[in-house]
PDB file of N, CA and C in Angstrom:
ATOM      1  N   MET A   1     -27.508-233.665 -57.478  1.00  0.00           N
ATOM      2  CA  MET A   1     -26.919-234.965 -57.766  1.00  0.00           C
ATOM      3  C   MET A   1     -27.812-235.672 -58.787  1.00  0.00           C
ATOM      4  N   ALA A   2     -27.202-236.146 -59.856  1.00  0.00           N
ATOM      5  CA  ALA A   2     -27.932-236.878 -60.889  1.00  0.00           C
ATOM      6  C   ALA A   2     -27.482-238.335 -60.889  1.00  0.00           C
ATOM      7  N   THR A   3     -28.336-239.182 -61.387  1.00  0.00           N
ATOM      8  CA  THR A   3     -28.065-240.614 -61.463  1.00  0.00           C
ATOM      9  C   THR A   3     -28.170-241.073 -62.915  1.00  0.00           C
ATOM     10  N   CYS A   4     -27.300-241.989 -63.317  1.00  0.00           N
ATOM     11  CA  CYS A   4     -27.345-242.541 -64.670  1.00  0.00           C
ATOM     12  C   CYS A   4     -28.467-243.570 -64.763  1.00  0.00           C
ATOM     13  N   LYS A   5     -29.331-243.427 -65.766  1.00  0.00           N
ATOM     14  CA  LYS A   5     -30.433-244.369 -65.976  1.00  0.00           C
ATOM     15  C   LYS A   5     -29.912-245.745 -66.387  1.00  0.00           C
ATOM     16  N   ASN A   6     -28.715-245.793 -66.994  1.00  0.00           N
ATOM     17  CA  ASN A   6     -28.183-247.063 -67.493  1.00  0.00           C
ATOM     18  C   ASN A   6     -27.495-247.893 -66.416  1.00  0.00           C
ATOM     19  N   CYS A   7     -26.560-247.258 -65.674  1.00  0.00           N
ATOM     20  CA  CYS A   7     -25.735-248.046 -64.757  1.00  0.00           C
ATOM     21  C   CYS A   7     -25.911-247.685 -63.286  1.00  0.00           C
ATOM     22  N   GLY A   8     -26.630-246.588 -62.992  1.00  0.00           N
ATOM     23  CA  GLY A   8     -26.857-246.209 -61.608  1.00  0.00           C
ATOM     24  C   GLY A   8     -25.772-245.338 -60.998  1.00  0.00           C
ATOM     25  N   ALA A   9     -24.733-244.985 -61.761  1.00  0.00           N
ATOM     26  CA  ALA A   9     -23.672-244.114 -61.252  1.00  0.00           C
ATOM     27  C   ALA A   9     -24.255-242.744 -60.916  1.00  0.00           C
ATOM     28  N   THR A  10     -23.661-242.060 -59.952  1.00  0.00           N
ATOM     29  CA  THR A  10     -24.120-240.725 -59.585  1.00  0.00           C
ATOM     30  C   THR A  10     -22.992-239.717 -59.765  1.00  0.00           C
ATOM     31  N   SER A  11     -23.365-238.452 -59.975  1.00  0.00           N
ATOM     32  CA  SER A  11     -22.378-237.403 -60.169  1.00  0.00           C
ATOM     33  C   SER A  11     -22.998-236.048 -59.867  1.00  0.00           C
ATOM     34  N   ASP A  12     -22.171-235.142 -59.330  1.00  0.00           N
ATOM     35  CA  ASP A  12     -22.608-233.762 -59.146  1.00  0.00           C
ATOM     36  C   ASP A  12     -22.638-233.035 -60.487  1.00  0.00           C
ATOM     37  N   ASP A  13     -21.905-233.529 -61.464  1.00  0.00           N
ATOM     38  CA  ASP A  13     -21.889-232.958 -62.805  1.00  0.00           C
ATOM     39  C   ASP A  13     -22.531-233.960 -63.761  1.00  0.00           C
ATOM     40  N   PRO A  14     -23.839-233.843 -64.011  1.00  0.00           N
ATOM     41  CA  PRO A  14     -24.543-234.812 -64.845  1.00  0.00           C
ATOM     42  C   PRO A  14     -23.984-234.949 -66.254  1.00  0.00           C
ATOM     43  N   GLY A  15     -23.217-233.973 -66.714  1.00  0.00           N
ATOM     44  CA  GLY A  15     -22.609-234.074 -68.031  1.00  0.00           C
ATOM     45  C   GLY A  15     -21.605-235.202 -68.133  1.00  0.00           C
ATOM     46  N   HIS A  16     -21.188-235.757 -66.990  1.00  0.00           N
ATOM     47  CA  HIS A  16     -20.243-236.872 -66.989  1.00  0.00           C
ATOM     48  C   HIS A  16     -20.943-238.226 -66.937  1.00  0.00           C
ATOM     49  N   LEU A  17     -22.280-238.229 -66.953  1.00  0.00           N
ATOM     50  CA  LEU A  17     -23.039-239.479 -66.962  1.00  0.00           C
ATOM     51  C   LEU A  17     -23.540-239.737 -68.374  1.00  0.00           C
ATOM     52  N   CYS A  18     -23.625-241.008 -68.768  1.00  0.00           N
ATOM     53  CA  CYS A  18     -24.038-241.321 -70.135  1.00  0.00           C
ATOM     54  C   CYS A  18     -25.528-241.107 -70.370  1.00  0.00           C
ATOM     55  N   ASN A  19     -26.365-241.247 -69.331  1.00  0.00           N
ATOM     56  CA  ASN A  19     -27.809-241.092 -69.494  1.00  0.00           C
ATOM     57  C   ASN A  19     -28.409-240.562 -68.185  1.00  0.00           C
ATOM     58  N   PRO A  20     -28.151-239.279 -67.850  1.00  0.00           N
ATOM     59  CA  PRO A  20     -28.588-238.742 -66.549  1.00  0.00           C
ATOM     60  C   PRO A  20     -30.096-238.585 -66.433  1.00  0.00           C
ATOM     61  N   THR A  21     -30.595-238.763 -65.214  1.00  0.00           N
ATOM     62  CA  THR A  21     -32.012-238.561 -64.933  1.00  0.00           C
ATOM     63  C   THR A  21     -32.277-237.095 -64.632  1.00  0.00           C
ATOM     64  N   ASP A  22     -33.451-236.642 -64.983  1.00  0.00           N
ATOM     65  CA  ASP A  22     -33.937-235.311 -64.609  1.00  0.00           C
ATOM     66  C   ASP A  22     -32.906-234.214 -64.798  1.00  0.00           C
ATOM     67  N   TYR A  23     -32.309-234.166 -65.951  1.00  0.00           N
ATOM     68  CA  TYR A  23     -31.294-233.153 -66.185  1.00  0.00           C
ATOM     69  C   TYR A  23     -31.298-232.762 -67.650  1.00  0.00           C
ATOM     70  N   THR A  24     -31.258-231.474 -67.927  1.00  0.00           N
ATOM     71  CA  THR A  24     -31.139-231.001 -69.298  1.00  0.00           C
ATOM     72  C   THR A  24     -29.882-230.150 -69.410  1.00  0.00           C
ATOM     73  N   LEU A  25     -29.209-230.292 -70.506  1.00  0.00           N
ATOM     74  CA  LEU A  25     -27.985-229.549 -70.756  1.00  0.00           C
ATOM     75  C   LEU A  25     -28.222-228.472 -71.801  1.00  0.00           C
ATOM     76  N   HIS A  26     -27.472-227.414 -71.699  1.00  0.00           N
ATOM     77  CA  HIS A  26     -27.467-226.328 -72.668  1.00  0.00           C
ATOM     78  C   HIS A  26     -26.054-226.269 -73.222  1.00  0.00           C
ATOM     79  N   CYS A  27     -25.911-226.259 -74.535  1.00  0.00           N
ATOM     80  CA  CYS A  27     -24.578-226.194 -75.143  1.00  0.00           C
ATOM     81  C   CYS A  27     -24.082-224.755 -75.158  1.00  0.00           C
ATOM     82  N   ASP A  28     -22.969-224.510 -74.471  1.00  0.00           N
ATOM     83  CA  ASP A  28     -22.371-223.176 -74.429  1.00  0.00           C
ATOM     84  C   ASP A  28     -21.705-222.798 -75.752  1.00  0.00           C
ATOM     85  N   TYR A  29     -21.488-223.761 -76.618  1.00  0.00           N
ATOM     86  CA  TYR A  29     -20.789-223.503 -77.874  1.00  0.00           C
ATOM     87  C   TYR A  29     -21.730-223.114 -79.009  1.00  0.00           C
ATOM     88  N   CYS A  30     -22.861-223.815 -79.156  1.00  0.00           N
ATOM     89  CA  CYS A  30     -23.774-223.509 -80.264  1.00  0.00           C
ATOM     90  C   CYS A  30     -25.113-222.940 -79.792  1.00  0.00           C
ATOM     91  N   GLY A  31     -25.370-222.977 -78.476  1.00  0.00           N
ATOM     92  CA  GLY A  31     -26.596-222.396 -77.934  1.00  0.00           C
ATOM     93  C   GLY A  31     -27.806-223.311 -77.927  1.00  0.00           C
ATOM     94  N   THR A  32     -27.662-224.542 -78.365  1.00  0.00           N
ATOM     95  CA  THR A  32     -28.783-225.470 -78.397  1.00  0.00           C
ATOM     96  C   THR A  32     -29.193-225.875 -76.986  1.00  0.00           C
ATOM     97  N   HIS A  33     -30.509-225.946 -76.745  1.00  0.00           N
ATOM     98  CA  HIS A  33     -31.037-226.363 -75.446  1.00  0.00           C
ATOM     99  C   HIS A  33     -31.421-227.832 -75.490  1.00  0.00           C
ATOM    100  N   ASN A  34     -31.476-228.458 -74.327  1.00  0.00           N
ATOM    101  CA  ASN A  34     -31.897-229.854 -74.166  1.00  0.00           C
ATOM    102  C   ASN A  34     -31.053-230.827 -74.984  1.00  0.00           C
ATOM    103  N   VAL A  35     -29.741-230.671 -74.905  1.00  0.00           N
ATOM    104  CA  VAL A  35     -28.846-231.605 -75.593  1.00  0.00           C
ATOM    105  C   VAL A  35     -28.487-232.748 -74.641  1.00  0.00           C
ATOM    106  N   THR A  36     -28.003-233.835 -75.189  1.00  0.00           N
ATOM    107  CA  THR A  36     -27.568-234.972 -74.382  1.00  0.00           C
ATOM    108  C   THR A  36     -26.127-234.729 -73.928  1.00  0.00           C
ATOM    109  N   PRO A  37     -25.651-235.474 -72.930  1.00  0.00           N
ATOM    110  CA  PRO A  37     -24.251-235.320 -72.511  1.00  0.00           C
ATOM    111  C   PRO A  37     -23.261-235.618 -73.632  1.00  0.00           C
ATOM    112  N   MET A  38     -23.670-236.368 -74.630  1.00  0.00           N
ATOM    113  CA  MET A  38     -22.776-236.733 -75.723  1.00  0.00           C
ATOM    114  C   MET A  38     -22.850-235.747 -76.897  1.00  0.00           C
ATOM    115  N   HIS A  39     -23.605-234.659 -76.764  1.00  0.00           N
ATOM    116  CA  HIS A  39     -23.741-233.649 -77.820  1.00  0.00           C
ATOM    117  C   HIS A  39     -22.368-233.141 -78.248  1.00  0.00           C
ATOM    118  N   MET A  40     -22.111-233.131 -79.548  1.00  0.00           N
ATOM    119  CA  MET A  40     -20.829-232.657 -80.060  1.00  0.00           C
ATOM    120  C   MET A  40     -21.087-231.874 -81.352  1.00  0.00           C
ATOM    121  N   CYS A  41     -21.286-230.560 -81.225  1.00  0.00           N
ATOM    122  CA  CYS A  41     -21.488-229.700 -82.390  1.00  0.00           C
ATOM    123  C   CYS A  41     -20.123-229.311 -82.979  1.00  0.00           C
ATOM    124  N   LYS A  42     -20.139-228.680 -84.147  1.00  0.00           N
ATOM    125  CA  LYS A  42     -18.884-228.256 -84.788  1.00  0.00           C
ATOM    126  C   LYS A  42     -18.088-227.320 -83.897  1.00  0.00           C
ATOM    127  N   GLU A  43     -18.788-226.375 -83.261  1.00  0.00           N
ATOM    128  CA  GLU A  43     -18.117-225.388 -82.430  1.00  0.00           C
ATOM    129  C   GLU A  43     -17.445-226.031 -81.215  1.00  0.00           C
ATOM    130  N   LYS A  44     -18.136-226.962 -80.583  1.00  0.00           N
ATOM    131  CA  LYS A  44     -17.583-227.646 -79.410  1.00  0.00           C
ATOM    132  C   LYS A  44     -16.417-228.542 -79.817  1.00  0.00           C
ATOM    133  N   PHE A  45     -16.576-229.271 -80.905  1.00  0.00           N
ATOM    134  CA  PHE A  45     -15.519-230.171 -81.353  1.00  0.00           C
ATOM    135  C   PHE A  45     -14.240-229.403 -81.691  1.00  0.00           C
ATOM    136  N   ALA A  46     -14.385-228.220 -82.274  1.00  0.00           N
ATOM    137  CA  ALA A  46     -13.221-227.415 -82.641  1.00  0.00           C
ATOM    138  C   ALA A  46     -12.432-226.975 -81.410  1.00  0.00           C
ATOM    139  N   ALA A  47     -13.097-226.852 -80.247  1.00  0.00           N
ATOM    140  CA  ALA A  47     -12.427-226.418 -79.014  1.00  0.00           C
ATOM    141  C   ALA A  47     -11.695-227.558 -78.305  1.00  0.00           C
ATOM    142  N   MET A  48     -11.981-228.795 -78.660  1.00  0.00           N
ATOM    143  CA  MET A  48     -11.387-229.942 -77.985  1.00  0.00           C
ATOM    144  C   MET A  48      -9.916-230.107 -78.376  1.00  0.00           C
ATOM    145  N   LYS A  49      -9.066-230.281 -77.371  1.00  0.00           N
ATOM    146  CA  LYS A  49      -7.629-230.397 -77.611  1.00  0.00           C
ATOM    147  C   LYS A  49      -7.052-231.751 -77.195  1.00  0.00           C
ATOM    148  N   TYR A  50      -7.816-232.539 -76.413  1.00  0.00           N
ATOM    149  CA  TYR A  50      -7.320-233.821 -75.907  1.00  0.00           C
ATOM    150  C   TYR A  50      -8.374-234.904 -76.056  1.00  0.00           C
ATOM    151  N   SER A  51      -7.933-236.135 -76.207  1.00  0.00           N
ATOM    152  CA  SER A  51      -8.829-237.287 -76.179  1.00  0.00           C
ATOM    153  C   SER A  51      -8.281-238.289 -75.170  1.00  0.00           C
ATOM    154  N   CYS A  52      -9.162-239.106 -74.613  1.00  0.00           N
ATOM    155  CA  CYS A  52      -8.762-240.097 -73.629  1.00  0.00           C
ATOM    156  C   CYS A  52      -8.312-241.366 -74.343  1.00  0.00           C
ATOM    157  N   GLY A  53      -7.144-241.842 -73.993  1.00  0.00           N
ATOM    158  CA  GLY A  53      -6.626-243.069 -74.583  1.00  0.00           C
ATOM    159  C   GLY A  53      -7.379-244.304 -74.127  1.00  0.00           C
ATOM    160  N   ASN A  54      -8.183-244.188 -73.064  1.00  0.00           N
ATOM    161  CA  ASN A  54      -8.955-245.333 -72.559  1.00  0.00           C
ATOM    162  C   ASN A  54     -10.342-245.412 -73.176  1.00  0.00           C
ATOM    163  N   CYS A  55     -11.105-244.305 -73.104  1.00  0.00           N
ATOM    164  CA  CYS A  55     -12.513-244.365 -73.522  1.00  0.00           C
ATOM    165  C   CYS A  55     -12.819-243.549 -74.772  1.00  0.00           C
ATOM    166  N   GLY A  56     -11.907-242.671 -75.194  1.00  0.00           N
ATOM    167  CA  GLY A  56     -12.126-241.871 -76.387  1.00  0.00           C
ATOM    168  C   GLY A  56     -12.831-240.546 -76.148  1.00  0.00           C
ATOM    169  N   ARG A  57     -13.204-240.258 -74.903  1.00  0.00           N
ATOM    170  CA  ARG A  57     -13.857-238.993 -74.586  1.00  0.00           C
ATOM    171  C   ARG A  57     -12.912-237.849 -74.940  1.00  0.00           C
ATOM    172  N   VAL A  58     -13.457-236.711 -75.376  1.00  0.00           N
ATOM    173  CA  VAL A  58     -12.642-235.556 -75.706  1.00  0.00           C
ATOM    174  C   VAL A  58     -12.846-234.464 -74.668  1.00  0.00           C
ATOM    175  N   ALA A  59     -11.840-233.580 -74.515  1.00  0.00           N
ATOM    176  CA  ALA A  59     -11.920-232.510 -73.523  1.00  0.00           C
ATOM    177  C   ALA A  59     -11.033-231.343 -73.946  1.00  0.00           C
ATOM    178  N   ILE A  60     -11.328-230.191 -73.346  1.00  0.00           N
ATOM    179  CA  ILE A  60     -10.533-228.995 -73.611  1.00  0.00           C
ATOM    180  C   ILE A  60      -9.222-229.043 -72.846  1.00  0.00           C
ATOM    181  N   THR A  61      -9.247-229.546 -71.612  1.00  0.00           N
ATOM    182  CA  THR A  61      -8.029-229.636 -70.806  1.00  0.00           C
ATOM    183  C   THR A  61      -7.703-231.094 -70.511  1.00  0.00           C
ATOM    184  N   GLU A  62      -6.433-231.377 -70.368  1.00  0.00           N
ATOM    185  CA  GLU A  62      -6.013-232.755 -70.089  1.00  0.00           C
ATOM    186  C   GLU A  62      -6.410-233.203 -68.690  1.00  0.00           C
ATOM    187  N   ASN A  63      -6.674-232.263 -67.783  1.00  0.00           N
ATOM    188  CA  ASN A  63      -7.081-232.611 -66.416  1.00  0.00           C
ATOM    189  C   ASN A  63      -8.463-233.243 -66.349  1.00  0.00           C
ATOM    190  N   ASP A  64      -9.249-233.139 -67.421  1.00  0.00           N
ATOM    191  CA  ASP A  64     -10.594-233.705 -67.443  1.00  0.00           C
ATOM    192  C   ASP A  64     -10.625-235.157 -67.924  1.00  0.00           C
ATOM    193  N   LEU A  65      -9.470-235.719 -68.221  1.00  0.00           N
ATOM    194  CA  LEU A  65      -9.390-237.084 -68.745  1.00  0.00           C
ATOM    195  C   LEU A  65      -8.420-237.923 -67.925  1.00  0.00           C
ATOM    196  N   CYS A  66      -8.663-239.233 -67.861  1.00  0.00           N
ATOM    197  CA  CYS A  66      -7.789-240.090 -67.073  1.00  0.00           C
ATOM    198  C   CYS A  66      -6.519-240.477 -67.827  1.00  0.00           C
ATOM    199  N   ASN A  67      -6.579-240.510 -69.157  1.00  0.00           N
ATOM    200  CA  ASN A  67      -5.414-240.880 -69.973  1.00  0.00           C
ATOM    201  C   ASN A  67      -5.359-239.951 -71.188  1.00  0.00           C
ATOM    202  N   PRO A  68      -5.015-238.656 -70.973  1.00  0.00           N
ATOM    203  CA  PRO A  68      -5.080-237.679 -72.055  1.00  0.00           C
ATOM    204  C   PRO A  68      -4.011-237.854 -73.126  1.00  0.00           C
ATOM    205  N   THR A  69      -4.439-237.652 -74.358  1.00  0.00           N
ATOM    206  CA  THR A  69      -3.549-237.651 -75.502  1.00  0.00           C
ATOM    207  C   THR A  69      -3.892-236.411 -76.316  1.00  0.00           C
ATOM    208  N   GLU A  70      -2.895-235.618 -76.663  1.00  0.00           N
ATOM    209  CA  GLU A  70      -3.155-234.394 -77.411  1.00  0.00           C
ATOM    210  C   GLU A  70      -3.640-234.728 -78.825  1.00  0.00           C
ATOM    211  N   ILE A  71      -4.697-234.049 -79.239  1.00  0.00           N
ATOM    212  CA  ILE A  71      -5.237-234.230 -80.592  1.00  0.00           C
ATOM    213  C   ILE A  71      -4.398-233.375 -81.525  1.00  0.00           C
ATOM    214  N   SER A  72      -3.886-233.997 -82.579  1.00  0.00           N
ATOM    215  CA  SER A  72      -3.048-233.240 -83.509  1.00  0.00           C
ATOM    216  C   SER A  72      -3.791-232.879 -84.759  1.00  0.00           C
TER     217      SER A  72
END
């Protein structure tokens, strides 16, 4: 369980927090280590098919967003 340093929110998936404590991410798309949850390389961006109409977050599947809109 990780906690957000900014707002105190907790999550089992620290990639969904804006500033997680004690957590490092590895990008499966470009191979970079120690990226932030907001990391968006060319390879990852190309895989994104939806954006959230509320917050602008992007995702591969619409189930990962609360208000998905297909990226055209």
